[in-house]
Protein backbone atom coordinates (compact mmCIF):
# COMPACT_ATOMS: atom_id res chain seq x y z
CA UNK A 1 92.45 129.32 -14.19
CA UNK A 2 89.85 126.45 -14.64
CA UNK A 3 91.80 124.39 -11.98
CA UNK A 4 91.38 126.85 -9.72
CA UNK A 5 87.72 127.58 -10.39
CA UNK A 6 87.02 123.53 -10.10
CA UNK A 7 88.91 123.66 -7.22
CA UNK A 8 86.79 126.62 -5.68
CA UNK A 9 83.46 124.85 -6.66
CA UNK A 10 84.72 121.44 -5.14
CA UNK A 11 85.51 123.36 -1.72
CA UNK A 12 81.88 125.07 -1.70
CA UNK A 13 80.04 122.03 -2.54
CA UNK A 14 81.92 120.51 0.31
CA UNK A 15 81.21 122.83 2.44
CA UNK A 16 77.48 123.10 1.51
CA UNK A 17 76.99 119.49 2.07
CA UNK A 18 79.22 119.29 5.56
CA UNK A 19 76.66 122.30 7.05
CA UNK A 20 73.56 120.36 5.39
CA UNK A 21 74.56 117.42 7.40
CA UNK A 22 75.99 119.07 10.39
CA UNK A 23 72.15 120.82 10.53
CA UNK A 24 70.26 117.57 9.64
CA UNK A 25 71.95 115.35 11.79
CA UNK A 26 70.45 117.59 14.64
CA UNK A 27 66.86 117.28 13.72
CA UNK A 28 64.29 114.52 13.30
CA UNK A 29 62.50 113.16 10.02
CA UNK A 30 60.29 110.88 9.05
CA UNK A 31 62.55 108.97 7.12
CA UNK A 32 64.69 108.17 10.30
CA UNK A 33 61.99 106.23 12.01
CA UNK A 34 60.62 104.47 7.88
CA UNK A 35 61.92 100.95 9.38
CA UNK A 36 61.31 101.40 13.32
CA UNK A 37 59.95 98.41 14.40
CA UNK A 38 56.94 99.92 16.34
CA UNK A 39 56.78 97.47 19.80
CA UNK A 40 55.97 99.56 23.17
CA UNK A 41 59.29 98.10 24.30
CA UNK A 42 61.38 99.48 21.25
CA UNK A 43 59.31 102.95 21.93
CA UNK A 44 59.80 103.13 25.38
CA UNK A 45 64.04 102.95 25.30
CA UNK A 46 63.90 105.01 22.27
CA UNK A 47 65.42 108.46 22.51
CA UNK A 48 62.22 109.92 22.10
CA UNK A 49 60.17 107.47 24.76
CA UNK A 50 62.83 108.16 27.16
CA UNK A 51 62.18 112.02 26.80
CA UNK A 52 58.65 111.04 27.30
CA UNK A 53 59.10 109.19 30.16
CA UNK A 54 61.39 112.52 31.97
CA UNK A 55 58.59 114.44 30.45
CA UNK A 56 56.11 112.69 32.77
CA UNK A 57 58.34 112.67 35.64
CA UNK A 58 58.75 116.56 35.35
CA UNK A 59 54.92 117.54 34.92
CA UNK A 60 54.48 114.89 37.97
CA UNK A 61 56.84 116.82 40.16
CA UNK A 62 54.60 118.88 42.00
CA UNK A 63 51.93 116.03 42.87
CA UNK A 64 49.65 116.58 40.06
CA UNK A 65 49.50 116.96 36.32
CA UNK A 66 47.20 120.21 35.48
CA UNK A 67 45.05 120.99 32.82
CA UNK A 68 47.33 123.02 30.76
CA UNK A 69 50.48 120.19 31.10
CA UNK A 70 48.00 117.61 30.16
CA UNK A 71 47.07 119.73 27.29
CA UNK A 72 50.72 120.24 26.11
CA UNK A 73 51.31 116.40 26.95
CA UNK A 74 48.81 115.70 24.46
CA UNK A 75 50.02 117.80 21.87
CA UNK A 76 53.58 116.80 22.40
CA UNK A 77 52.47 112.96 21.82
CA UNK A 78 50.87 113.99 18.39
CA UNK A 79 54.13 115.59 17.54
CA UNK A 80 56.37 112.98 18.31
CA UNK A 81 53.78 110.18 17.02
CA UNK A 82 53.88 112.21 13.61
CA UNK A 83 57.22 110.77 12.70
CA UNK A 84 56.65 107.10 12.73
CA UNK A 85 54.77 104.81 10.01
CA UNK A 86 52.15 104.43 12.49
CA UNK A 87 51.08 107.48 14.10
CA UNK A 88 47.83 106.38 16.08
CA UNK A 89 49.48 102.96 17.61
CA UNK A 90 52.59 105.29 18.51
CA UNK A 91 50.50 108.05 20.24
CA UNK A 92 48.70 104.99 22.17
CA UNK A 93 51.92 103.97 23.43
CA UNK A 94 53.38 107.05 24.31
CA UNK A 95 49.94 107.68 26.71
CA UNK A 96 50.63 104.47 28.30
CA UNK A 97 54.28 104.96 28.62
CA UNK A 98 53.69 108.65 30.46
CA UNK A 99 51.11 107.29 32.58
CA UNK A 100 53.46 104.54 33.92
CA UNK A 101 56.32 106.57 34.44
CA UNK A 102 54.69 109.51 35.84
CA UNK A 103 54.27 107.50 38.83
CA UNK A 104 57.46 105.92 39.04
CA UNK A 105 59.85 108.74 39.98
CA UNK A 106 62.11 106.21 41.81
CA UNK A 107 63.76 105.49 38.39
CA UNK A 108 64.50 108.95 37.17
CA UNK A 109 68.30 108.17 37.51
CA UNK A 110 68.34 105.23 34.94
CA UNK A 111 66.16 107.23 32.81
CA UNK A 112 68.07 109.63 32.40
CA UNK A 113 71.40 108.36 32.18
CA UNK A 114 69.78 105.75 29.35
CA UNK A 115 69.02 109.22 27.30
CA UNK A 116 72.46 110.44 28.17
CA UNK A 117 73.46 107.28 26.30
CA UNK A 118 71.52 107.61 23.55
CA UNK A 119 72.06 111.17 22.90
CA UNK A 120 75.84 111.10 23.84
CA UNK A 121 77.39 112.46 20.65
CA UNK A 122 74.59 115.06 19.94
CA UNK A 123 74.72 118.09 22.52
CA UNK A 124 72.35 119.88 20.52
CA UNK A 125 69.52 117.54 21.37
CA UNK A 126 70.17 117.33 24.58
CA UNK A 127 70.15 120.66 24.79
CA UNK A 128 66.97 121.39 23.56
CA UNK A 129 65.21 118.48 25.27
CA UNK A 130 66.79 120.11 28.80
CA UNK A 131 65.18 123.29 27.60
CA UNK A 132 61.85 121.77 27.41
CA UNK A 133 61.86 120.14 30.32
CA UNK A 134 62.22 123.73 32.04
CA UNK A 135 59.69 125.08 29.81
CA UNK A 136 57.44 122.47 30.80
CA UNK A 137 58.06 123.53 34.42
CA UNK A 138 57.62 127.02 33.75
CA UNK A 139 54.37 126.86 31.77
CA UNK A 140 52.24 127.28 34.87
CA UNK A 141 53.93 130.38 35.67
CA UNK A 142 55.54 129.15 38.89
CA UNK A 143 58.83 126.73 39.25
CA UNK A 144 58.06 124.45 42.72
CA UNK A 145 60.93 123.10 44.78
CA UNK A 146 60.34 119.70 43.75
CA UNK A 147 60.49 120.58 39.82
CA UNK A 148 63.60 122.37 40.25
CA UNK A 149 65.43 119.37 42.33
CA UNK A 150 64.75 117.16 39.58
CA UNK A 151 65.52 119.18 36.73
CA UNK A 152 68.79 119.12 38.50
CA UNK A 153 69.06 115.32 38.96
CA UNK A 154 67.79 115.35 35.06
CA UNK A 155 70.59 117.74 34.10
CA UNK A 156 73.27 116.20 35.98
CA UNK A 157 72.71 112.76 34.29
CA UNK A 158 72.45 114.70 30.72
CA UNK A 159 75.88 116.10 31.67
CA UNK A 160 74.81 119.49 32.08
CA UNK A 161 77.00 121.77 34.59
CA UNK A 162 75.27 123.63 37.47
CA UNK A 163 76.01 127.18 35.21
CA UNK A 164 74.33 125.52 32.22
CA UNK A 165 70.80 124.60 33.85
CA UNK A 166 71.08 127.90 36.05
CA UNK A 167 71.34 129.94 32.72
CA UNK A 168 68.28 127.84 31.24
CA UNK A 169 66.53 128.66 34.61
CA UNK A 170 67.10 132.20 34.48
CA UNK A 171 66.31 132.55 30.85
CA UNK A 172 62.66 131.32 31.77
CA UNK A 173 62.58 132.53 35.18
CA UNK A 174 63.43 136.13 34.17
CA UNK A 175 60.80 136.73 32.09
CA UNK A 176 57.80 135.02 34.46
CA UNK A 177 59.39 137.81 37.14
CA UNK A 178 59.09 140.68 34.91
CA UNK A 179 55.94 139.83 33.09
CA UNK A 180 52.91 141.66 34.00
CA UNK A 181 49.62 139.80 32.28
CA UNK A 182 47.35 142.83 31.28
CA UNK A 183 43.94 141.67 30.99
CA UNK A 184 40.27 142.14 31.41
CA UNK A 185 37.40 139.43 30.93
CA UNK A 186 36.85 141.09 27.41
CA UNK A 187 40.26 140.85 26.19
CA UNK A 188 40.44 137.31 27.83
CA UNK A 189 37.26 136.46 25.41
CA UNK A 190 39.14 138.31 22.54
CA UNK A 191 42.20 136.47 22.76
CA UNK A 192 40.42 133.27 22.80
CA UNK A 193 38.50 134.21 19.47
CA UNK A 194 35.12 134.29 21.17
CA UNK A 195 32.54 136.59 22.45
CA UNK A 196 31.18 136.73 26.08
CA UNK A 197 28.38 134.91 25.21
CA UNK A 198 30.34 131.90 24.51
CA UNK A 199 29.02 128.76 26.33
CA UNK A 200 31.69 126.72 28.81
CA UNK A 201 31.98 124.30 26.04
CA UNK A 202 32.80 126.60 23.42
CA UNK A 203 35.49 128.07 25.64
CA UNK A 204 37.13 124.89 26.49
CA UNK A 205 37.05 123.87 22.80
CA UNK A 206 38.54 127.50 22.11
CA UNK A 207 41.28 127.22 24.60
CA UNK A 208 42.34 123.73 23.18
CA UNK A 209 42.36 124.90 19.78
CA UNK A 210 44.67 127.51 20.32
CA UNK A 211 46.91 125.62 22.87
CA UNK A 212 47.28 122.69 20.06
CA UNK A 213 47.96 125.96 17.58
CA UNK A 214 50.77 127.69 19.66
CA UNK A 215 52.39 124.97 22.10
CA UNK A 216 56.11 124.04 21.66
CA UNK A 217 56.74 121.54 19.59
CA UNK A 218 59.74 119.20 20.98
CA UNK A 219 60.26 118.15 17.19
CA UNK A 220 60.19 121.55 15.57
CA UNK A 221 62.51 123.03 18.52
CA UNK A 222 65.30 121.08 17.09
CA UNK A 223 65.86 123.08 14.27
CA UNK A 224 64.48 126.14 15.62
CA UNK A 225 65.73 129.43 17.03
CA UNK A 226 67.03 129.38 20.82
CA UNK A 227 64.10 132.17 21.26
CA UNK A 228 61.28 129.49 19.93
CA UNK A 229 60.67 127.83 23.14
CA UNK A 230 60.45 130.86 25.22
CA UNK A 231 58.13 132.79 22.57
CA UNK A 232 55.66 129.66 22.37
CA UNK A 233 55.71 129.51 26.53
CA UNK A 234 54.40 133.24 26.69
CA UNK A 235 51.96 132.67 24.22
CA UNK A 236 50.74 129.75 25.81
CA UNK A 237 50.77 130.94 29.09
CA UNK A 238 48.98 134.11 27.62
CA UNK A 239 45.97 131.70 26.43
CA UNK A 240 46.09 130.03 29.84
CA UNK A 241 45.79 133.03 31.86
CA UNK A 242 42.85 134.16 29.39
CA UNK A 243 41.00 130.73 30.04
CA UNK A 244 41.30 130.73 33.44
CA UNK A 245 40.37 134.17 34.01
CA UNK A 246 37.02 132.95 32.22
CA UNK A 247 36.89 129.85 33.79
CA UNK A 248 36.97 131.02 36.97
CA UNK A 249 35.43 134.35 37.02
CA UNK A 250 33.62 134.09 40.07
CA UNK A 251 37.08 133.36 41.90
CA UNK A 252 38.71 136.96 41.05
CA UNK A 253 39.53 138.94 43.42
CA UNK A 254 39.41 142.93 42.44
CA UNK A 255 42.25 145.05 43.84
CA UNK A 256 42.31 149.05 43.89
CA UNK A 257 45.93 150.35 44.37
CA UNK A 258 44.88 154.08 44.46
CA UNK A 259 44.66 156.28 47.06
CA UNK A 260 41.81 156.16 49.39
CA UNK A 261 40.67 159.55 48.11
CA UNK A 262 40.37 158.35 44.60
CA UNK A 263 38.84 155.30 45.72
CA UNK A 264 35.94 157.24 47.49
CA UNK A 265 35.12 159.43 44.73
CA UNK A 266 34.70 156.10 42.48
CA UNK A 267 36.08 152.70 42.30
CA UNK A 268 35.05 149.28 40.66
CA UNK A 269 32.34 147.49 42.62
CA UNK A 270 33.46 144.75 44.86
CA UNK A 271 37.30 146.09 45.03
CA UNK A 272 39.60 146.07 47.82
CA UNK A 273 41.50 149.27 48.29
CA UNK A 274 45.33 148.67 49.33
CA UNK A 275 47.52 151.61 48.03
CA UNK A 276 50.73 150.99 46.41
CA UNK A 277 52.33 152.85 48.87
CA UNK A 278 51.65 150.21 51.67
CA UNK A 279 50.99 147.01 49.45
CA UNK A 280 54.90 145.60 50.20
CA UNK A 281 53.49 145.52 54.16
CA UNK A 282 49.91 144.56 53.64
CA UNK A 283 50.19 141.48 51.69
CA UNK A 284 48.47 139.69 54.47
CA UNK A 285 45.20 141.46 53.83
CA UNK A 286 44.83 139.43 50.45
CA UNK A 287 46.88 135.92 51.65
CA UNK A 288 43.51 134.17 51.71
CA UNK A 289 42.96 134.64 47.96
CA UNK A 290 46.32 133.87 46.75
CA UNK A 291 45.08 131.04 44.91
CA UNK A 292 42.93 133.27 43.03
CA UNK A 293 43.73 135.99 40.25
CA UNK A 294 43.75 139.56 41.08
CA UNK A 295 42.88 142.02 38.70
CA UNK A 296 44.81 145.16 39.63
CA UNK A 297 43.58 148.54 38.73
CA UNK A 298 44.75 152.24 39.24
CA UNK A 299 44.04 155.62 37.40
CA UNK A 300 45.71 154.91 34.59
CA UNK A 301 47.71 151.67 34.47
CA UNK A 302 50.97 152.90 36.10
CA UNK A 303 51.01 151.97 39.70
CA UNK A 304 49.08 148.83 38.90
CA UNK A 305 52.04 148.03 36.72
CA UNK A 306 54.20 148.13 39.91
CA UNK A 307 51.46 146.66 41.92
CA UNK A 308 51.64 143.73 40.09
CA UNK A 309 55.29 143.27 39.73
CA UNK A 310 55.06 142.92 43.67
CA UNK A 311 52.33 140.46 43.66
CA UNK A 312 54.20 138.17 41.22
CA UNK A 313 57.06 138.23 43.25
CA UNK A 314 55.46 137.15 46.55
CA UNK A 315 53.75 134.41 44.75
CA UNK A 316 50.53 136.00 43.81
CA UNK A 317 48.78 136.02 40.36
CA UNK A 318 48.10 139.47 38.99
CA UNK A 319 46.32 140.45 35.74
CA UNK A 320 46.50 144.40 35.29
CA UNK A 321 43.96 146.22 34.03
CA UNK A 322 45.89 148.36 31.16
CA UNK A 323 44.83 151.77 31.11
CA UNK A 324 42.68 151.53 34.66
CA UNK A 325 39.60 152.90 35.54
CA UNK A 326 40.20 155.39 33.12
CA UNK A 327 39.83 152.66 30.17
CA UNK A 328 37.04 150.75 32.28
CA UNK A 329 34.73 153.46 32.14
CA UNK A 330 35.57 154.48 28.31
CA UNK A 331 34.69 150.72 27.63
CA UNK A 332 31.20 151.15 29.16
CA UNK A 333 31.74 149.57 32.14
CA UNK A 334 30.50 150.69 35.85
CA UNK A 335 32.11 152.18 38.55
CA UNK A 336 30.34 153.04 42.00
CA UNK A 337 31.37 155.31 44.77
């Protein structure tokens, strides 16, 4: 009996050690890099340096690195460099690698191949890195043709099938297609933890602090759940939408999707009327403001949700007024006849 108990304990201990090793080998820790000889060349050819290089190419795939992408990349440098003995020097080198690689799309094949070779026996890390690159592409809410083609090249070199990539793209893309950002200027300020009297500098400072707080962490994602990146992406997109709404407050179009009779009785000043029933065939009327945020409202918020989804499917950037003009008035905001 004693021998059976001892054997059971040995088996349990072996299982725990095996499971612990299996979990830890797929994550990063400072101890792994304690003896790393920090030079730019060594960093560039490490698995994390190669990942930064691919991130640079994806971020620049559509021709430019926008403000949100730049914020996320900067935070990524901080997350990675914290693993190394000299974080500040590491962060500086990572930035140099990124800046060089974003302007060198021609070498994407050898970089992706080198990353696969470094992680050939670690499917988990390759999976998380591929998901992060998709996240980076979708962070602005859209996926350009150039970004998608680059992701296909990288996925192929990292030995992911078309089906594997399609599944990852669908997970992020489905959320974007079916999500409707509900916001107003007041809600935007609240989300950034500010008042409407905040200065431009205060708005930008709050935005950067919140992106830093909630940004998807490539290091943390290695040991996180499958939902981690998607949830972090959604949070950062909400923060960015609020920031853009405040920053471009004068470049916003108001769209009323009620009936002409309702519009005649009262409406928000400056609003354009296109009833929901005719919106799908009258999108050309607002094609000239496609690069602006469009604040969509109706009576109570139901028709505007449907309208916002239609607009999002056609490349517009809608913001639904939750509660409609009824809630607008309840907040003490003005309407006109």
